[in-house]
């Protein structure tokens, strides 16, 4: 029975979630520098993998003035090419009006066609 438990633990570890290949360095909610009415969301992110990244999809959660969280509809994506250990940033217009929040990586596409997805 003990050997079965040990085998299950090893199998679970072998098929466990691989760490996210992208780290979010900073997320900013700022006024649009071109004077448009829509504010910007800027996400600065780093490729911490050994592969070239060609696509990243982010999920954003807004935090209101009272600290309550509100999920943003849909996702934000970037098709910037990011070499290993390099940092990029992407900017999107947003109509929500929130000035605070957090982001998380949902999916990553590598140049070789493979992907990483959050579970």
N, C-alpha and C. Protein backbone atom coordinates (compact mmCIF):
# COMPACT_ATOMS: atom_id res chain seq x y z
N UNK A 1 0.82 -1.19 0.00
CA UNK A 1 0.00 0.00 0.00
C UNK A 1 0.87 1.26 0.00
N UNK A 2 1.97 1.23 0.77
CA UNK A 2 2.86 2.40 0.82
C UNK A 2 3.49 2.67 -0.55
N UNK A 3 3.85 1.62 -1.27
CA UNK A 3 4.47 1.82 -2.58
C UNK A 3 3.47 2.44 -3.56
N UNK A 4 2.18 2.10 -3.41
CA UNK A 4 1.16 2.70 -4.29
C UNK A 4 1.03 4.20 -4.02
N UNK A 5 1.06 4.58 -2.75
CA UNK A 5 0.98 5.98 -2.38
C UNK A 5 2.18 6.74 -2.92
N UNK A 6 3.36 6.15 -2.76
CA UNK A 6 4.58 6.79 -3.27
C UNK A 6 4.51 6.95 -4.79
N UNK A 7 4.02 5.93 -5.49
CA UNK A 7 3.91 6.00 -6.95
C UNK A 7 2.93 7.09 -7.37
N UNK A 8 1.80 7.21 -6.67
CA UNK A 8 0.83 8.25 -6.98
C UNK A 8 1.41 9.64 -6.77
N UNK A 9 2.18 9.81 -5.71
CA UNK A 9 2.81 11.10 -5.46
C UNK A 9 3.80 11.46 -6.56
N UNK A 10 4.59 10.47 -7.00
CA UNK A 10 5.56 10.72 -8.07
C UNK A 10 4.85 11.05 -9.38
N UNK A 11 3.79 10.34 -9.70
CA UNK A 11 3.04 10.61 -10.93
C UNK A 11 2.44 12.01 -10.88
N UNK A 12 1.87 12.37 -9.73
CA UNK A 12 1.28 13.71 -9.58
C UNK A 12 2.32 14.80 -9.76
N UNK A 13 3.51 14.58 -9.26
CA UNK A 13 4.57 15.56 -9.41
C UNK A 13 5.03 15.65 -10.87
N UNK A 14 5.14 14.51 -11.52
CA UNK A 14 5.61 14.48 -12.91
C UNK A 14 4.64 15.19 -13.85
N UNK A 15 3.35 15.13 -13.55
CA UNK A 15 2.36 15.75 -14.42
C UNK A 15 1.79 17.04 -13.84
N UNK A 16 2.45 17.59 -12.85
CA UNK A 16 1.98 18.81 -12.21
C UNK A 16 2.12 20.03 -13.12
N UNK A 17 1.53 21.12 -12.71
CA UNK A 17 1.56 22.36 -13.48
C UNK A 17 2.98 22.90 -13.58
N UNK A 18 3.41 23.19 -14.78
CA UNK A 18 4.71 23.82 -15.02
C UNK A 18 4.57 25.30 -14.67
N UNK A 19 5.61 25.86 -14.07
CA UNK A 19 5.57 27.27 -13.68
C UNK A 19 5.32 28.16 -14.90
N UNK A 20 4.63 29.24 -14.67
CA UNK A 20 4.30 30.19 -15.74
C UNK A 20 5.58 30.76 -16.35
N UNK A 21 5.70 30.74 -17.67
CA UNK A 21 6.91 31.24 -18.34
C UNK A 21 6.99 32.77 -18.42
N UNK A 22 5.94 33.45 -17.97
CA UNK A 22 5.90 34.91 -17.99
C UNK A 22 5.65 35.42 -16.58
N UNK A 23 6.41 36.42 -16.17
CA UNK A 23 6.11 37.10 -14.90
C UNK A 23 5.63 38.51 -15.22
N UNK A 24 4.61 38.93 -14.48
CA UNK A 24 4.14 40.30 -14.63
C UNK A 24 4.97 41.17 -13.69
N UNK A 25 5.74 42.06 -14.28
CA UNK A 25 6.62 42.93 -13.50
C UNK A 25 5.85 44.12 -12.91
N UNK A 26 4.88 44.64 -13.69
CA UNK A 26 4.14 45.81 -13.24
C UNK A 26 2.88 45.93 -14.07
N UNK A 27 1.79 46.39 -13.42
CA UNK A 27 0.56 46.71 -14.14
C UNK A 27 0.18 48.13 -13.75
N UNK A 28 -0.12 48.94 -14.75
CA UNK A 28 -0.44 50.35 -14.51
C UNK A 28 -1.81 50.69 -15.09
N UNK A 29 -2.54 51.50 -14.37
CA UNK A 29 -3.79 52.07 -14.85
C UNK A 29 -3.52 53.57 -14.91
N UNK A 30 -3.51 54.14 -16.10
CA UNK A 30 -3.05 55.52 -16.24
C UNK A 30 -3.89 56.27 -17.27
N UNK A 31 -3.78 57.58 -17.21
CA UNK A 31 -4.47 58.39 -18.20
C UNK A 31 -3.81 58.19 -19.55
N UNK A 32 -4.61 58.21 -20.58
CA UNK A 32 -4.10 58.05 -21.93
C UNK A 32 -3.23 59.26 -22.29
N UNK A 33 -2.00 59.02 -22.72
CA UNK A 33 -1.08 60.12 -23.00
C UNK A 33 -1.43 60.91 -24.26
N UNK A 34 -2.37 60.41 -25.05
CA UNK A 34 -2.77 61.11 -26.26
C UNK A 34 -4.02 61.96 -26.06
N UNK A 35 -4.52 62.01 -24.84
CA UNK A 35 -5.66 62.85 -24.54
C UNK A 35 -7.01 62.25 -24.83
N UNK A 36 -7.04 60.96 -25.18
CA UNK A 36 -8.33 60.32 -25.40
C UNK A 36 -9.06 60.17 -24.08
N UNK A 37 -10.37 59.99 -24.14
CA UNK A 37 -11.16 59.84 -22.93
C UNK A 37 -10.89 58.51 -22.22
N UNK A 38 -10.44 57.50 -22.96
CA UNK A 38 -10.24 56.17 -22.37
C UNK A 38 -8.91 56.09 -21.65
N UNK A 39 -8.90 55.54 -20.43
CA UNK A 39 -7.62 55.34 -19.75
C UNK A 39 -6.87 54.14 -20.35
N UNK A 40 -5.61 54.02 -20.04
CA UNK A 40 -4.79 52.91 -20.52
C UNK A 40 -4.56 51.90 -19.41
N UNK A 41 -4.43 50.65 -19.81
CA UNK A 41 -3.90 49.60 -18.94
C UNK A 41 -2.58 49.21 -19.57
N UNK A 42 -1.51 49.26 -18.82
CA UNK A 42 -0.19 48.87 -19.31
C UNK A 42 0.33 47.71 -18.46
N UNK A 43 0.73 46.64 -19.12
CA UNK A 43 1.30 45.49 -18.40
C UNK A 43 2.73 45.31 -18.88
N UNK A 44 3.65 45.36 -17.93
CA UNK A 44 5.07 45.10 -18.18
C UNK A 44 5.32 43.65 -17.77
N UNK A 45 5.87 42.85 -18.69
CA UNK A 45 6.03 41.43 -18.41
C UNK A 45 7.38 40.92 -18.90
N UNK A 46 7.83 39.82 -18.29
CA UNK A 46 9.16 39.27 -18.59
C UNK A 46 9.04 37.80 -18.97
N UNK A 47 9.80 37.41 -19.98
CA UNK A 47 9.88 36.01 -20.39
C UNK A 47 10.94 35.33 -19.51
N UNK A 48 10.51 34.45 -18.61
CA UNK A 48 11.44 33.75 -17.72
C UNK A 48 11.69 32.32 -18.20
N UNK A 49 11.26 32.02 -19.42
CA UNK A 49 11.50 30.68 -19.98
C UNK A 49 12.76 30.69 -20.83
N UNK A 50 13.06 29.54 -21.40
CA UNK A 50 14.22 29.42 -22.29
C UNK A 50 13.80 29.47 -23.75
N UNK A 51 12.49 29.70 -24.02
CA UNK A 51 11.98 29.75 -25.38
C UNK A 51 11.57 31.18 -25.73
N UNK A 52 11.49 31.45 -27.04
CA UNK A 52 11.01 32.75 -27.52
C UNK A 52 9.48 32.74 -27.47
N UNK A 53 8.91 33.77 -26.86
CA UNK A 53 7.46 33.92 -26.73
C UNK A 53 6.95 34.80 -27.88
N UNK A 54 5.84 34.39 -28.51
CA UNK A 54 5.26 35.20 -29.59
C UNK A 54 3.81 35.60 -29.31
N UNK A 55 3.28 35.18 -28.17
CA UNK A 55 1.92 35.57 -27.80
C UNK A 55 1.66 35.35 -26.33
N UNK A 56 0.99 36.32 -25.69
CA UNK A 56 0.62 36.21 -24.28
C UNK A 56 -0.81 36.71 -24.11
N UNK A 57 -1.58 35.98 -23.33
CA UNK A 57 -2.95 36.39 -23.03
C UNK A 57 -3.04 36.64 -21.52
N UNK A 58 -3.58 37.82 -21.15
CA UNK A 58 -3.70 38.24 -19.76
C UNK A 58 -5.16 38.34 -19.33
N UNK A 59 -5.41 38.06 -18.07
CA UNK A 59 -6.71 38.31 -17.44
C UNK A 59 -6.49 39.41 -16.42
N UNK A 60 -7.37 40.42 -16.40
CA UNK A 60 -7.22 41.54 -15.49
C UNK A 60 -8.40 41.57 -14.52
N UNK A 61 -8.09 41.80 -13.26
CA UNK A 61 -9.11 41.99 -12.24
C UNK A 61 -8.96 43.40 -11.70
N UNK A 62 -10.04 44.16 -11.74
CA UNK A 62 -10.02 45.54 -11.24
C UNK A 62 -10.28 45.54 -9.74
N UNK A 63 -9.71 46.52 -9.05
CA UNK A 63 -9.94 46.71 -7.62
C UNK A 63 -10.49 48.12 -7.44
N UNK A 64 -11.69 48.20 -6.85
CA UNK A 64 -12.32 49.52 -6.71
C UNK A 64 -11.83 50.24 -5.46
N UNK A 65 -12.36 51.42 -5.20
CA UNK A 65 -11.92 52.27 -4.10
C UNK A 65 -12.14 51.64 -2.72
N UNK A 66 -13.04 50.66 -2.63
CA UNK A 66 -13.28 50.01 -1.34
C UNK A 66 -12.54 48.69 -1.20
N UNK A 67 -11.75 48.33 -2.22
CA UNK A 67 -10.96 47.10 -2.18
C UNK A 67 -11.68 45.88 -2.76
N UNK A 68 -12.89 46.07 -3.27
CA UNK A 68 -13.61 44.96 -3.89
C UNK A 68 -13.04 44.68 -5.28
N UNK A 69 -13.01 43.40 -5.65
CA UNK A 69 -12.48 43.00 -6.95
C UNK A 69 -13.60 42.80 -7.96
N UNK A 70 -13.31 43.17 -9.22
CA UNK A 70 -14.27 43.04 -10.31
C UNK A 70 -13.52 42.47 -11.52
N UNK A 71 -13.96 41.32 -11.98
CA UNK A 71 -13.31 40.69 -13.13
C UNK A 71 -13.58 41.49 -14.39
N UNK A 72 -12.56 41.75 -15.17
CA UNK A 72 -12.72 42.44 -16.45
C UNK A 72 -13.26 41.43 -17.45
N UNK A 73 -14.20 41.84 -18.25
CA UNK A 73 -14.73 40.95 -19.29
C UNK A 73 -13.63 40.67 -20.30
N UNK A 74 -13.57 39.47 -20.78
CA UNK A 74 -12.60 39.11 -21.80
C UNK A 74 -11.16 39.12 -21.30
N UNK A 75 -10.25 38.96 -22.23
CA UNK A 75 -8.82 38.96 -21.92
C UNK A 75 -8.12 40.00 -22.79
N UNK A 76 -6.88 40.29 -22.43
CA UNK A 76 -6.03 41.19 -23.20
C UNK A 76 -4.88 40.36 -23.75
N UNK A 77 -4.48 40.59 -24.98
CA UNK A 77 -3.40 39.78 -25.53
C UNK A 77 -2.36 40.65 -26.22
N UNK A 78 -1.16 40.10 -26.28
CA UNK A 78 -0.05 40.77 -26.94
C UNK A 78 0.63 39.77 -27.87
N UNK A 79 1.00 40.22 -29.07
CA UNK A 79 1.71 39.36 -30.00
C UNK A 79 3.17 39.78 -30.16
N UNK A 80 3.69 40.48 -29.16
CA UNK A 80 5.09 40.91 -29.21
C UNK A 80 6.01 39.71 -29.06
N UNK A 81 7.09 39.73 -29.80
CA UNK A 81 8.11 38.68 -29.71
C UNK A 81 9.01 39.01 -28.53
N UNK A 82 9.13 38.06 -27.59
CA UNK A 82 9.92 38.30 -26.38
C UNK A 82 10.95 37.19 -26.23
N UNK A 83 12.21 37.54 -26.34
CA UNK A 83 13.29 36.56 -26.18
C UNK A 83 13.45 36.21 -24.70
N UNK A 84 14.08 35.07 -24.43
CA UNK A 84 14.29 34.67 -23.03
C UNK A 84 14.99 35.75 -22.21
N UNK A 85 14.51 35.94 -20.99
CA UNK A 85 15.06 36.88 -20.02
C UNK A 85 14.90 38.35 -20.44
N UNK A 86 14.00 38.62 -21.38
CA UNK A 86 13.74 40.00 -21.81
C UNK A 86 12.36 40.45 -21.34
N UNK A 87 12.19 41.76 -21.23
CA UNK A 87 10.95 42.35 -20.75
C UNK A 87 10.30 43.18 -21.86
N UNK A 88 8.98 43.12 -21.94
CA UNK A 88 8.20 43.92 -22.89
C UNK A 88 7.04 44.56 -22.12
N UNK A 89 6.35 45.47 -22.77
CA UNK A 89 5.10 45.95 -22.20
C UNK A 89 4.09 46.14 -23.31
N UNK A 90 2.84 46.00 -22.92
CA UNK A 90 1.74 46.20 -23.88
C UNK A 90 0.74 47.14 -23.23
N UNK A 91 0.05 47.93 -24.09
CA UNK A 91 -0.91 48.93 -23.60
C UNK A 91 -2.23 48.74 -24.32
N UNK A 92 -3.33 48.82 -23.55
CA UNK A 92 -4.67 48.73 -24.11
C UNK A 92 -5.51 49.86 -23.54
N UNK A 93 -6.47 50.35 -24.33
CA UNK A 93 -7.46 51.30 -23.83
C UNK A 93 -8.53 50.52 -23.09
N UNK A 94 -9.09 51.14 -22.05
CA UNK A 94 -10.12 50.47 -21.26
C UNK A 94 -11.19 51.47 -20.85
N UNK A 95 -12.43 51.07 -20.87
CA UNK A 95 -13.54 51.97 -20.55
C UNK A 95 -14.03 51.83 -19.11
N UNK A 96 -13.38 51.00 -18.31
CA UNK A 96 -13.89 50.70 -16.98
C UNK A 96 -13.81 51.87 -16.01
N UNK A 97 -12.76 52.69 -16.13
CA UNK A 97 -12.58 53.80 -15.20
C UNK A 97 -11.86 53.42 -13.91
N UNK A 98 -11.54 52.14 -13.72
CA UNK A 98 -10.81 51.74 -12.51
C UNK A 98 -9.37 52.22 -12.58
N UNK A 99 -8.80 52.44 -11.41
CA UNK A 99 -7.43 52.95 -11.35
C UNK A 99 -6.48 52.00 -10.64
N UNK A 100 -6.97 50.78 -10.34
CA UNK A 100 -6.14 49.82 -9.64
C UNK A 100 -6.59 48.42 -10.05
N UNK A 101 -5.68 47.46 -9.93
CA UNK A 101 -6.04 46.09 -10.27
C UNK A 101 -4.82 45.20 -10.30
N UNK A 102 -5.05 44.00 -10.73
CA UNK A 102 -3.96 43.02 -10.84
C UNK A 102 -4.18 42.22 -12.12
N UNK A 103 -3.11 41.64 -12.61
CA UNK A 103 -3.18 40.84 -13.83
C UNK A 103 -2.61 39.46 -13.60
N UNK A 104 -3.02 38.53 -14.44
CA UNK A 104 -2.44 37.19 -14.41
C UNK A 104 -2.35 36.67 -15.83
N UNK A 105 -1.39 35.81 -16.05
CA UNK A 105 -1.17 35.23 -17.36
C UNK A 105 -2.09 34.02 -17.52
N UNK A 106 -2.80 33.97 -18.64
CA UNK A 106 -3.74 32.89 -18.91
C UNK A 106 -3.16 31.89 -19.91
N UNK A 107 -2.45 32.41 -20.92
CA UNK A 107 -1.92 31.53 -21.96
C UNK A 107 -0.68 32.17 -22.59
N UNK A 108 0.27 31.31 -22.99
CA UNK A 108 1.50 31.76 -23.64
C UNK A 108 1.71 30.90 -24.89
N UNK A 109 2.04 31.54 -26.00
CA UNK A 109 2.38 30.85 -27.24
C UNK A 109 3.86 31.06 -27.51
N UNK A 110 4.57 29.95 -27.75
CA UNK A 110 6.00 30.02 -28.05
C UNK A 110 6.22 29.98 -29.56
N UNK A 111 7.37 30.46 -29.97
CA UNK A 111 7.73 30.51 -31.38
C UNK A 111 7.71 29.13 -32.03
N UNK A 112 8.00 28.08 -31.26
CA UNK A 112 8.02 26.72 -31.81
C UNK A 112 6.61 26.11 -31.93
N UNK A 113 5.57 26.89 -31.59
CA UNK A 113 4.20 26.42 -31.73
C UNK A 113 3.61 25.79 -30.48
N UNK A 114 4.43 25.55 -29.46
CA UNK A 114 3.91 24.98 -28.23
C UNK A 114 3.28 26.08 -27.38
N UNK A 115 2.45 25.68 -26.43
CA UNK A 115 1.76 26.64 -25.56
C UNK A 115 1.89 26.24 -24.10
N UNK A 116 1.65 27.23 -23.24
CA UNK A 116 1.50 27.03 -21.80
C UNK A 116 0.15 27.65 -21.45
N UNK A 117 -0.63 26.95 -20.61
CA UNK A 117 -1.91 27.51 -20.16
C UNK A 117 -2.05 27.34 -18.68
N UNK A 118 -2.63 28.37 -18.04
CA UNK A 118 -2.91 28.31 -16.61
C UNK A 118 -4.08 27.36 -16.38
N UNK A 119 -4.03 26.65 -15.27
CA UNK A 119 -5.13 25.74 -14.92
C UNK A 119 -5.68 26.08 -13.57
